[in-house]
C-alpha atoms as a PDB file:
ATOM      1  CA  MET A   1      26.127   6.858   4.452  1.00  0.00           C
ATOM      2  CA  THR A   2      28.525   9.774   4.078  1.00  0.00           C
ATOM      3  CA  ASN A   3      31.753  10.317   5.970  1.00  0.00           C
ATOM      4  CA  LYS A   4      30.048  13.228   7.678  1.00  0.00           C
ATOM      5  CA  ASN A   5      27.559  10.872   9.321  1.00  0.00           C
ATOM      6  CA  GLU A   6      30.288   8.420  10.252  1.00  0.00           C
ATOM      7  CA  ASN A   7      31.756  11.168  12.419  1.00  0.00           C
ATOM      8  CA  LEU A   8      28.500  11.814  14.261  1.00  0.00           C
ATOM      9  CA  LYS A   9      27.766  10.483  17.726  1.00  0.00           C
ATOM     10  CA  VAL A  10      24.320   8.951  18.114  1.00  0.00           C
ATOM     11  CA  LEU A  11      22.418   8.187  21.316  1.00  0.00           C
ATOM     12  CA  VAL A  12      19.648   5.563  21.157  1.00  0.00           C
ATOM     13  CA  ALA A  13      16.771   5.388  23.659  1.00  0.00           C
ATOM     14  CA  GLY A  14      14.454   2.388  23.696  1.00  0.00           C
ATOM     15  CA  SER A  15      17.498   0.346  22.733  1.00  0.00           C
ATOM     16  CA  THR A  16      16.435  -2.935  24.365  1.00  0.00           C
ATOM     17  CA  GLY A  17      13.193  -3.191  22.384  1.00  0.00           C
ATOM     18  CA  TYR A  18      12.536  -5.010  19.115  1.00  0.00           C
ATOM     19  CA  LEU A  19      13.278  -2.025  16.871  1.00  0.00           C
ATOM     20  CA  GLY A  20      15.943  -0.565  19.136  1.00  0.00           C
ATOM     21  CA  LYS A  21      18.164  -3.626  18.799  1.00  0.00           C
ATOM     22  CA  HIS A  22      17.878  -3.518  15.007  1.00  0.00           C
ATOM     23  CA  ILE A  23      18.849   0.182  15.036  1.00  0.00           C
ATOM     24  CA  LEU A  24      21.945  -0.551  17.136  1.00  0.00           C
ATOM     25  CA  GLN A  25      22.964  -3.237  14.643  1.00  0.00           C
ATOM     26  CA  GLU A  26      22.429  -0.908  11.679  1.00  0.00           C
ATOM     27  CA  LEU A  27      24.543   1.824  13.293  1.00  0.00           C
ATOM     28  CA  LYS A  28      27.250  -0.763  13.919  1.00  0.00           C
ATOM     29  CA  ASN A  29      27.039  -1.950  10.289  1.00  0.00           C
ATOM     30  CA  ARG A  30      27.649   1.610   9.106  1.00  0.00           C
ATOM     31  CA  ASN A  31      30.483   2.325  11.551  1.00  0.00           C
ATOM     32  CA  ILE A  32      28.555   5.162  13.182  1.00  0.00           C
ATOM     33  CA  SER A  33      29.584   5.911  16.764  1.00  0.00           C
ATOM     34  CA  PHE A  34      26.720   5.300  19.205  1.00  0.00           C
ATOM     35  CA  LYS A  35      25.725   4.611  22.769  1.00  0.00           C
ATOM     36  CA  ALA A  36      22.533   3.044  24.078  1.00  0.00           C
ATOM     37  CA  ILE A  37      20.409   4.131  27.033  1.00  0.00           C
ATOM     38  CA  ALA A  38      19.205   1.079  28.952  1.00  0.00           C
ATOM     39  CA  ARG A  39      17.463   0.524  32.263  1.00  0.00           C
ATOM     40  CA  THR A  40      18.761  -3.051  32.262  1.00  0.00           C
ATOM     41  CA  PRO A  41      22.194  -3.254  30.561  1.00  0.00           C
ATOM     42  CA  SER A  42      22.118  -7.070  30.670  1.00  0.00           C
ATOM     43  CA  LYS A  43      19.486  -6.922  27.908  1.00  0.00           C
ATOM     44  CA  LEU A  44      22.233  -5.725  25.535  1.00  0.00           C
ATOM     45  CA  PRO A  45      24.772  -8.558  25.809  1.00  0.00           C
ATOM     46  CA  ASN A  46      26.309  -7.783  22.417  1.00  0.00           C
ATOM     47  CA  LEU A  47      27.480  -4.315  23.443  1.00  0.00           C
ATOM     48  CA  ASN A  48      30.564  -3.340  25.393  1.00  0.00           C
ATOM     49  CA  LYS A  49      29.921  -1.781  28.789  1.00  0.00           C
ATOM     50  CA  ASP A  50      31.242   1.560  27.583  1.00  0.00           C
ATOM     51  CA  GLN A  51      28.559   1.604  24.864  1.00  0.00           C
ATOM     52  CA  ILE A  52      25.724   1.526  27.419  1.00  0.00           C
ATOM     53  CA  LEU A  53      24.464   4.387  29.579  1.00  0.00           C
ATOM     54  CA  GLU A  54      22.333   3.030  32.408  1.00  0.00           C
ATOM     55  CA  ALA A  55      19.291   5.223  33.047  1.00  0.00           C
ATOM     56  CA  GLU A  56      15.509   5.140  33.446  1.00  0.00           C
ATOM     57  CA  VAL A  57      13.802   7.361  30.875  1.00  0.00           C
ATOM     58  CA  THR A  58      10.764   7.862  33.132  1.00  0.00           C
ATOM     59  CA  VAL A  59      13.014   9.231  35.910  1.00  0.00           C
ATOM     60  CA  PRO A  60      14.332  12.662  34.825  1.00  0.00           C
ATOM     61  CA  SER A  61      17.110  12.758  37.456  1.00  0.00           C
ATOM     62  CA  SER A  62      18.695   9.604  35.990  1.00  0.00           C
ATOM     63  CA  LEU A  63      19.024  11.345  32.615  1.00  0.00           C
ATOM     64  CA  SER A  64      20.853  14.437  33.846  1.00  0.00           C
ATOM     65  CA  GLY A  65      23.633  15.303  31.400  1.00  0.00           C
ATOM     66  CA  ILE A  66      23.211  12.041  29.485  1.00  0.00           C
ATOM     67  CA  CYS A  67      23.100  13.741  26.073  1.00  0.00           C
ATOM     68  CA  GLU A  68      26.347  15.699  26.440  1.00  0.00           C
ATOM     69  CA  GLY A  69      28.629  15.206  23.465  1.00  0.00           C
ATOM     70  CA  PHE A  70      26.016  13.601  21.183  1.00  0.00           C
ATOM     71  CA  ASP A  71      24.855  14.943  17.826  1.00  0.00           C
ATOM     72  CA  VAL A  72      21.707  12.865  17.249  1.00  0.00           C
ATOM     73  CA  MET A  73      19.092  11.328  19.534  1.00  0.00           C
ATOM     74  CA  ILE A  74      17.022   8.398  18.244  1.00  0.00           C
ATOM     75  CA  SER A  75      14.060   7.428  20.425  1.00  0.00           C
ATOM     76  CA  THR A  76      11.909   4.341  19.984  1.00  0.00           C
ATOM     77  CA  VAL A  77      10.576   4.785  23.540  1.00  0.00           C
ATOM     78  CA  GLY A  78       6.956   3.681  23.799  1.00  0.00           C
ATOM     79  CA  ILE A  79       4.755   0.910  25.109  1.00  0.00           C
ATOM     80  CA  THR A  80       1.988  -1.132  23.553  1.00  0.00           C
ATOM     81  CA  ARG A  81       0.598  -2.393  26.850  1.00  0.00           C
ATOM     82  CA  GLN A  82       0.489  -0.312  30.012  1.00  0.00           C
ATOM     83  CA  LYS A  83       2.164  -2.127  32.914  1.00  0.00           C
ATOM     84  CA  ASN A  84       4.165  -1.593  36.107  1.00  0.00           C
ATOM     85  CA  GLY A  85       1.860   1.299  36.919  1.00  0.00           C
ATOM     86  CA  LEU A  86       3.073   3.281  33.896  1.00  0.00           C
ATOM     87  CA  THR A  87       0.570   4.786  31.452  1.00  0.00           C
ATOM     88  CA  TYR A  88       0.969   5.782  27.811  1.00  0.00           C
ATOM     89  CA  MET A  89       1.281   9.395  28.963  1.00  0.00           C
ATOM     90  CA  ASP A  90       4.039   8.411  31.406  1.00  0.00           C
ATOM     91  CA  VAL A  91       6.102   6.676  28.731  1.00  0.00           C
ATOM     92  CA  ASP A  92       5.171   7.654  25.161  1.00  0.00           C
ATOM     93  CA  TYR A  93       4.744  11.317  26.126  1.00  0.00           C
ATOM     94  CA  GLN A  94       6.573  12.207  29.346  1.00  0.00           C
ATOM     95  CA  ALA A  95       9.615   9.922  29.020  1.00  0.00           C
ATOM     96  CA  ASN A  96      10.253  11.214  25.505  1.00  0.00           C
ATOM     97  CA  LYS A  97       9.752  14.767  26.762  1.00  0.00           C
ATOM     98  CA  ASN A  98      12.419  14.069  29.404  1.00  0.00           C
ATOM     99  CA  LEU A  99      14.794  12.968  26.645  1.00  0.00           C
ATOM    100  CA  LEU A 100      13.929  15.982  24.496  1.00  0.00           C
ATOM    101  CA  ARG A 101      14.675  18.375  27.347  1.00  0.00           C
ATOM    102  CA  GLU A 102      18.086  16.793  27.926  1.00  0.00           C
ATOM    103  CA  ALA A 103      18.855  16.738  24.196  1.00  0.00           C
ATOM    104  CA  TYR A 104      17.945  20.408  23.805  1.00  0.00           C
ATOM    105  CA  GLN A 105      20.030  21.481  26.799  1.00  0.00           C
ATOM    106  CA  ALA A 106      23.039  19.496  25.548  1.00  0.00           C
ATOM    107  CA  GLY A 107      22.889  21.026  22.061  1.00  0.00           C
ATOM    108  CA  VAL A 108      21.967  17.818  20.269  1.00  0.00           C
ATOM    109  CA  LYS A 109      21.501  18.697  16.605  1.00  0.00           C
ATOM    110  CA  LYS A 110      18.649  16.335  15.680  1.00  0.00           C
ATOM    111  CA  PHE A 111      15.950  14.247  17.382  1.00  0.00           C
ATOM    112  CA  ILE A 112      14.509  11.246  15.511  1.00  0.00           C
ATOM    113  CA  TYR A 113      11.291   9.838  16.958  1.00  0.00           C
ATOM    114  CA  ILE A 114       9.412   6.706  15.928  1.00  0.00           C
ATOM    115  CA  SER A 115       5.623   7.024  16.151  1.00  0.00           C
ATOM    116  CA  ALA A 116       3.258   4.879  14.047  1.00  0.00           C
ATOM    117  CA  ILE A 117       1.338   5.047  10.793  1.00  0.00           C
ATOM    118  CA  ASN A 118      -1.737   7.303  10.867  1.00  0.00           C
ATOM    119  CA  GLY A 119      -1.075   8.253  14.493  1.00  0.00           C
ATOM    120  CA  ASP A 120      -1.815  11.871  13.659  1.00  0.00           C
ATOM    121  CA  LYS A 121      -5.223  10.810  12.296  1.00  0.00           C
ATOM    122  CA  MET A 122      -6.180   8.641  15.299  1.00  0.00           C
ATOM    123  CA  ARG A 123      -5.493  10.890  18.265  1.00  0.00           C
ATOM    124  CA  GLN A 124      -8.719   9.663  19.872  1.00  0.00           C
ATOM    125  CA  LEU A 125      -6.973   6.382  20.730  1.00  0.00           C
ATOM    126  CA  LYS A 126      -5.170   6.371  24.085  1.00  0.00           C
ATOM    127  CA  ILE A 127      -1.888   5.160  22.632  1.00  0.00           C
ATOM    128  CA  PHE A 128      -1.822   7.847  19.936  1.00  0.00           C
ATOM    129  CA  GLU A 129      -3.026  10.589  22.236  1.00  0.00           C
ATOM    130  CA  ALA A 130       0.298  10.234  24.074  1.00  0.00           C
ATOM    131  CA  LYS A 131       2.519   9.707  21.015  1.00  0.00           C
ATOM    132  CA  GLU A 132       1.102  12.695  19.158  1.00  0.00           C
ATOM    133  CA  ALA A 133       1.270  14.932  22.235  1.00  0.00           C
ATOM    134  CA  PHE A 134       5.014  14.298  22.158  1.00  0.00           C
ATOM    135  CA  VAL A 135       5.183  14.922  18.402  1.00  0.00           C
ATOM    136  CA  ASP A 136       3.628  18.337  19.108  1.00  0.00           C
ATOM    137  CA  GLU A 137       6.328  19.017  21.726  1.00  0.00           C
ATOM    138  CA  LEU A 138       9.035  17.960  19.271  1.00  0.00           C
ATOM    139  CA  LYS A 139       7.717  20.192  16.491  1.00  0.00           C
ATOM    140  CA  ASN A 140       7.625  23.182  18.839  1.00  0.00           C
ATOM    141  CA  SER A 141      11.042  22.524  20.388  1.00  0.00           C
ATOM    142  CA  GLY A 142      13.104  24.458  17.875  1.00  0.00           C
ATOM    143  CA  MET A 143      15.280  21.384  17.244  1.00  0.00           C
ATOM    144  CA  ASP A 144      15.784  19.714  13.899  1.00  0.00           C
ATOM    145  CA  TYR A 145      13.705  16.530  13.890  1.00  0.00           C
ATOM    146  CA  THR A 146      12.276  13.652  11.896  1.00  0.00           C
ATOM    147  CA  VAL A 147       9.146  11.723  12.894  1.00  0.00           C
ATOM    148  CA  LEU A 148       8.946   8.234  11.410  1.00  0.00           C
ATOM    149  CA  ARG A 149       5.554   6.596  10.987  1.00  0.00           C
ATOM    150  CA  PRO A 150       6.109   2.908  10.240  1.00  0.00           C
ATOM    151  CA  ASN A 151       3.382   0.434   9.432  1.00  0.00           C
ATOM    152  CA  GLY A 152       2.967  -2.549  11.758  1.00  0.00           C
ATOM    153  CA  PHE A 153       6.004  -4.720  12.428  1.00  0.00           C
ATOM    154  CA  PHE A 154       6.171  -8.314  11.218  1.00  0.00           C
ATOM    155  CA  SER A 155       6.160  -9.264  14.898  1.00  0.00           C
ATOM    156  CA  ASP A 156       2.744  -7.592  15.255  1.00  0.00           C
ATOM    157  CA  MET A 157       1.338 -10.191  12.847  1.00  0.00           C
ATOM    158  CA  GLY A 158       1.769 -12.914  15.477  1.00  0.00           C
ATOM    159  CA  ASP A 159      -1.969 -13.092  16.167  1.00  0.00           C
ATOM    160  CA  PHE A 160      -2.509 -14.351  12.627  1.00  0.00           C
ATOM    161  CA  LEU A 161       0.026 -17.118  13.212  1.00  0.00           C
ATOM    162  CA  GLU A 162      -1.478 -18.097  16.564  1.00  0.00           C
ATOM    163  CA  MET A 163      -4.948 -18.449  15.063  1.00  0.00           C
ATOM    164  CA  ALA A 164      -3.545 -20.279  12.033  1.00  0.00           C
ATOM    165  CA  LYS A 165      -1.831 -22.782  14.303  1.00  0.00           C
ATOM    166  CA  ARG A 166      -5.289 -23.817  15.507  1.00  0.00           C
ATOM    167  CA  GLY A 167      -6.479 -24.163  11.911  1.00  0.00           C
ATOM    168  CA  ARG A 168      -8.732 -21.134  11.440  1.00  0.00           C
ATOM    169  CA  VAL A 169      -8.253 -17.355  11.273  1.00  0.00           C
ATOM    170  CA  TYR A 170     -11.003 -14.985  12.396  1.00  0.00           C
ATOM    171  CA  LEU A 171     -11.287 -11.537  10.802  1.00  0.00           C
ATOM    172  CA  PHE A 172     -13.672  -8.638  11.289  1.00  0.00           C
ATOM    173  CA  GLY A 173     -15.547  -7.520   8.194  1.00  0.00           C
ATOM    174  CA  ASN A 174     -14.688  -8.907   4.745  1.00  0.00           C
ATOM    175  CA  GLY A 175     -10.903  -9.006   5.262  1.00  0.00           C
ATOM    176  CA  GLN A 176     -10.208  -6.716   2.308  1.00  0.00           C
ATOM    177  CA  PHE A 177      -8.424  -3.937   4.197  1.00  0.00           C
ATOM    178  CA  ARG A 178      -4.768  -3.789   3.194  1.00  0.00           C
ATOM    179  CA  LEU A 179      -1.496  -3.174   4.988  1.00  0.00           C
ATOM    180  CA  ASN A 180       2.227  -3.591   4.377  1.00  0.00           C
ATOM    181  CA  PRO A 181       3.973  -4.471   7.637  1.00  0.00           C
ATOM    182  CA  ILE A 182       7.729  -4.011   7.823  1.00  0.00           C
ATOM    183  CA  HIS A 183      10.611  -6.023   9.288  1.00  0.00           C
ATOM    184  CA  GLY A 184      12.626  -4.360  12.053  1.00  0.00           C
ATOM    185  CA  ALA A 185      15.901  -4.637  10.113  1.00  0.00           C
ATOM    186  CA  ASP A 186      14.400  -2.841   7.099  1.00  0.00           C
ATOM    187  CA  LEU A 187      12.893  -0.136   9.297  1.00  0.00           C
ATOM    188  CA  ALA A 188      16.230   0.351  11.064  1.00  0.00           C
ATOM    189  CA  GLU A 189      17.797   1.252   7.700  1.00  0.00           C
ATOM    190  CA  VAL A 190      15.172   3.974   7.214  1.00  0.00           C
ATOM    191  CA  VAL A 191      15.702   5.264  10.751  1.00  0.00           C
ATOM    192  CA  VAL A 192      19.466   5.565  10.291  1.00  0.00           C
ATOM    193  CA  ASP A 193      19.003   7.122   6.832  1.00  0.00           C
ATOM    194  CA  ALA A 194      16.866   9.777   8.575  1.00  0.00           C
ATOM    195  CA  ILE A 195      19.996  11.121  10.279  1.00  0.00           C
ATOM    196  CA  SER A 196      20.896  12.899   7.041  1.00  0.00           C
ATOM    197  CA  SER A 197      17.356  13.325   5.678  1.00  0.00           C
ATOM    198  CA  LYS A 198      15.722  16.721   5.460  1.00  0.00           C
ATOM    199  CA  GLU A 199      12.256  15.134   5.674  1.00  0.00           C
ATOM    200  CA  LYS A 200      10.296  16.011   8.804  1.00  0.00           C
ATOM    201  CA  ASN A 201       7.784  13.175   8.463  1.00  0.00           C
ATOM    202  CA  ILE A 202       8.483   9.778   6.912  1.00  0.00           C
ATOM    203  CA  SER A 203       5.846   7.067   6.519  1.00  0.00           C
ATOM    204  CA  VAL A 204       7.185   3.632   5.624  1.00  0.00           C
ATOM    205  CA  GLY A 205       6.007   0.063   5.232  1.00  0.00           C
ATOM    206  CA  GLY A 206       7.332  -3.241   3.938  1.00  0.00           C
ATOM    207  CA  PRO A 207       7.589  -4.415   0.310  1.00  0.00           C
ATOM    208  CA  ASP A 208       4.356  -6.479   0.249  1.00  0.00           C
ATOM    209  CA  VAL A 209       0.935  -4.803   0.291  1.00  0.00           C
ATOM    210  CA  LEU A 210      -1.459  -7.510   1.466  1.00  0.00           C
ATOM    211  CA  SER A 211      -5.106  -7.760   2.409  1.00  0.00           C
ATOM    212  CA  GLN A 212      -5.970  -9.265   5.781  1.00  0.00           C
ATOM    213  CA  ASN A 213      -7.329 -12.276   3.888  1.00  0.00           C
ATOM    214  CA  GLU A 214      -3.976 -12.716   2.141  1.00  0.00           C
ATOM    215  CA  ILE A 215      -2.049 -12.439   5.429  1.00  0.00           C
ATOM    216  CA  ALA A 216      -4.375 -15.017   6.985  1.00  0.00           C
ATOM    217  CA  ALA A 217      -3.800 -17.358   4.036  1.00  0.00           C
ATOM    218  CA  LEU A 218      -0.006 -16.976   4.336  1.00  0.00           C
ATOM    219  CA  ALA A 219      -0.193 -17.732   8.061  1.00  0.00           C
ATOM    220  CA  LEU A 220      -2.304 -20.841   7.486  1.00  0.00           C
ATOM    221  CA  ASP A 221      -0.018 -22.029   4.690  1.00  0.00           C
ATOM    222  CA  SER A 222       3.001 -21.600   6.961  1.00  0.00           C
ATOM    223  CA  TRP A 223       1.425 -24.178   9.281  1.00  0.00           C
ATOM    224  CA  TYR A 224       0.475 -26.372   6.284  1.00  0.00           C
ATOM    225  CA  LYS A 225      -3.207 -25.833   7.066  1.00  0.00           C
ATOM    226  CA  ASP A 226      -6.133 -25.539   4.678  1.00  0.00           C
ATOM    227  CA  VAL A 227      -7.264 -21.963   4.156  1.00  0.00           C
ATOM    228  CA  LYS A 228     -10.121 -21.527   6.634  1.00  0.00           C
ATOM    229  CA  ILE A 229     -11.092 -17.935   7.360  1.00  0.00           C
ATOM    230  CA  THR A 230     -14.183 -16.856   9.274  1.00  0.00           C
ATOM    231  CA  HIS A 231     -15.422 -13.306   8.729  1.00  0.00           C
ATOM    232  CA  LEU A 232     -17.160 -11.817  11.748  1.00  0.00           C
ATOM    233  CA  PRO A 233     -19.672  -8.967  11.286  1.00  0.00           C
ATOM    234  CA  ASP A 234     -17.988  -5.608  11.825  1.00  0.00           C
ATOM    235  CA  TRP A 235     -20.586  -4.643  14.442  1.00  0.00           C
ATOM    236  CA  THR A 236     -19.014  -7.211  16.761  1.00  0.00           C
ATOM    237  CA  ARG A 237     -15.726  -5.305  16.550  1.00  0.00           C
ATOM    238  CA  ARG A 238     -17.404  -1.972  17.294  1.00  0.00           C
ATOM    239  CA  LEU A 239     -19.408  -3.477  20.156  1.00  0.00           C
ATOM    240  CA  THR A 240     -16.277  -5.024  21.673  1.00  0.00           C
ATOM    241  CA  ILE A 241     -14.458  -1.669  21.674  1.00  0.00           C
ATOM    242  CA  CYS A 242     -17.497   0.057  23.207  1.00  0.00           C
ATOM    243  CA  LEU A 243     -17.844  -2.533  25.983  1.00  0.00           C
ATOM    244  CA  LEU A 244     -14.128  -2.461  26.773  1.00  0.00           C
ATOM    245  CA  ARG A 245     -14.107   1.335  27.001  1.00  0.00           C
ATOM    246  CA  THR A 246     -17.137   1.225  29.300  1.00  0.00           C
ATOM    247  CA  PHE A 247     -16.201  -1.587  31.650  1.00  0.00           C
ATOM    248  CA  THR A 248     -12.376  -1.715  31.722  1.00  0.00           C
ATOM    249  CA  SER A 249      -9.512   0.712  32.307  1.00  0.00           C
ATOM    250  CA  SER A 250      -7.276   2.081  29.550  1.00  0.00           C
ATOM    251  CA  LYS A 251      -4.649  -0.410  30.741  1.00  0.00           C
ATOM    252  CA  THR A 252      -6.891  -3.186  29.402  1.00  0.00           C
ATOM    253  CA  TYR A 253      -8.630  -1.562  26.477  1.00  0.00           C
ATOM    254  CA  GLY A 254      -5.758   0.613  25.171  1.00  0.00           C
ATOM    255  CA  PRO A 255      -3.912  -1.979  23.085  1.00  0.00           C
ATOM    256  CA  ILE A 256      -7.099  -3.807  22.016  1.00  0.00           C
ATOM    257  CA  GLU A 257      -8.716  -0.514  20.951  1.00  0.00           C
ATOM    258  CA  PHE A 258      -5.611   0.266  18.892  1.00  0.00           C
ATOM    259  CA  PHE A 259      -5.416  -3.091  17.102  1.00  0.00           C
ATOM    260  CA  MET A 260      -9.159  -3.324  16.463  1.00  0.00           C
ATOM    261  CA  THR A 261      -9.302   0.214  15.064  1.00  0.00           C
ATOM    262  CA  ALA A 262      -6.255  -0.364  12.844  1.00  0.00           C
ATOM    263  CA  MET A 263      -7.826  -3.565  11.471  1.00  0.00           C
ATOM    264  CA  ALA A 264     -10.846  -1.626  10.200  1.00  0.00           C
ATOM    265  CA  MET A 265      -8.972   0.583   7.732  1.00  0.00           C
ATOM    266  CA  ASP A 266      -6.301   0.484   5.053  1.00  0.00           C
ATOM    267  CA  ASN A 267      -2.819   1.086   6.450  1.00  0.00           C
ATOM    268  CA  VAL A 268      -0.583   1.308   3.404  1.00  0.00           C
ATOM    269  CA  ALA A 269       2.690   3.244   3.522  1.00  0.00           C
ATOM    270  CA  PRO A 270       5.409   3.754   0.900  1.00  0.00           C
ATOM    271  CA  ARG A 271       7.050   0.378   0.257  1.00  0.00           C
ATOM    272  CA  TYR A 272      10.578  -0.348   1.420  1.00  0.00           C
ATOM    273  CA  GLY A 273      12.830  -3.257   2.297  1.00  0.00           C
ATOM    274  CA  SER A 274      13.696  -6.773   1.242  1.00  0.00           C
ATOM    275  CA  HIS A 275      12.230  -8.942   4.015  1.00  0.00           C
ATOM    276  CA  ARG A 276       9.023 -10.782   3.072  1.00  0.00           C
ATOM    277  CA  LEU A 277       6.233 -11.581   5.502  1.00  0.00           C
ATOM    278  CA  TYR A 278       5.822 -15.178   4.287  1.00  0.00           C
ATOM    279  CA  SER A 279       9.497 -15.913   5.010  1.00  0.00           C
ATOM    280  CA  PHE A 280       9.078 -14.410   8.471  1.00  0.00           C
ATOM    281  CA  PHE A 281       6.035 -16.614   9.131  1.00  0.00           C
ATOM    282  CA  GLN A 282       7.922 -19.721   7.999  1.00  0.00           C
ATOM    283  CA  LYS A 283      10.857 -18.948  10.305  1.00  0.00           C
ATOM    284  CA  GLU A 284       8.519 -18.339  13.250  1.00  0.00           C
ATOM    285  CA  VAL A 285       6.797 -21.673  12.639  1.00  0.00           C
ATOM    286  CA  GLU A 286      10.167 -23.445  12.542  1.00  0.00           C
ATOM    287  CA  LYS A 287      11.111 -21.820  15.868  1.00  0.00           C
ATOM    288  CA  GLN A 288       7.900 -23.060  17.475  1.00  0.00           C
ATOM    289  CA  LYS A 289       8.382 -26.570  16.139  1.00  0.00           C
ATOM    290  CA  HIS A 290      11.854 -26.929  17.675  1.00  0.00           C
END
């Protein structure tokens, strides 16, 4: 990181989430001045009080003037599951739009937003409908920006571990679709690098490109289980999505629709990072054992 970036002031929204905390640590590692927006400051015990700006991103009045004096806004604001009466449009779209408005008015030089891999190709899904609506706003804002599209996080692979713990992993189809999930610490490096990048769109994944079968095998091995994988016909996946869309609200089917759709395609992004999925699985198993 150049001296120029060390003199920048960065504001981070979504700072109490999985990725947000890694970004704060990466900024600290590089001696870049930053502050974090948080609804609940107690969720950031490692920061000094003067590094936290208490606000609610879904309440525009609480954000008034919050971006004054900052050069870069980084937003990881988004939800996987709709709760507390908030929808994807309330959070992934409108809350980020609130931040963008404040950033623009304060003269912030750059807005970095974290979406997800292939979000622009899957706008029909509720979660991406909201994320990509905000990306459109960002592109038309007149501000300098970078949109990051990471592959799934290591933490998103928890379902594999939970099934493996019981001795068998269930997959839709033949399990040959590939992905390269990324660790939050590795992704945080890419996010902070984006401060000085001229790229408008950056797709990124972890160092290991694995099929679903291979991920299942790693999860089972982490629990010292025999490799037992059951492949369910893909029509059961399609039927499940159809039934959920018909008989439940988007609050219920939104995240399931997203995961089930993502599992039926390759999601491979440019490889980056040093953290390996198998090591992550082993550490998670150790945590559960103690």
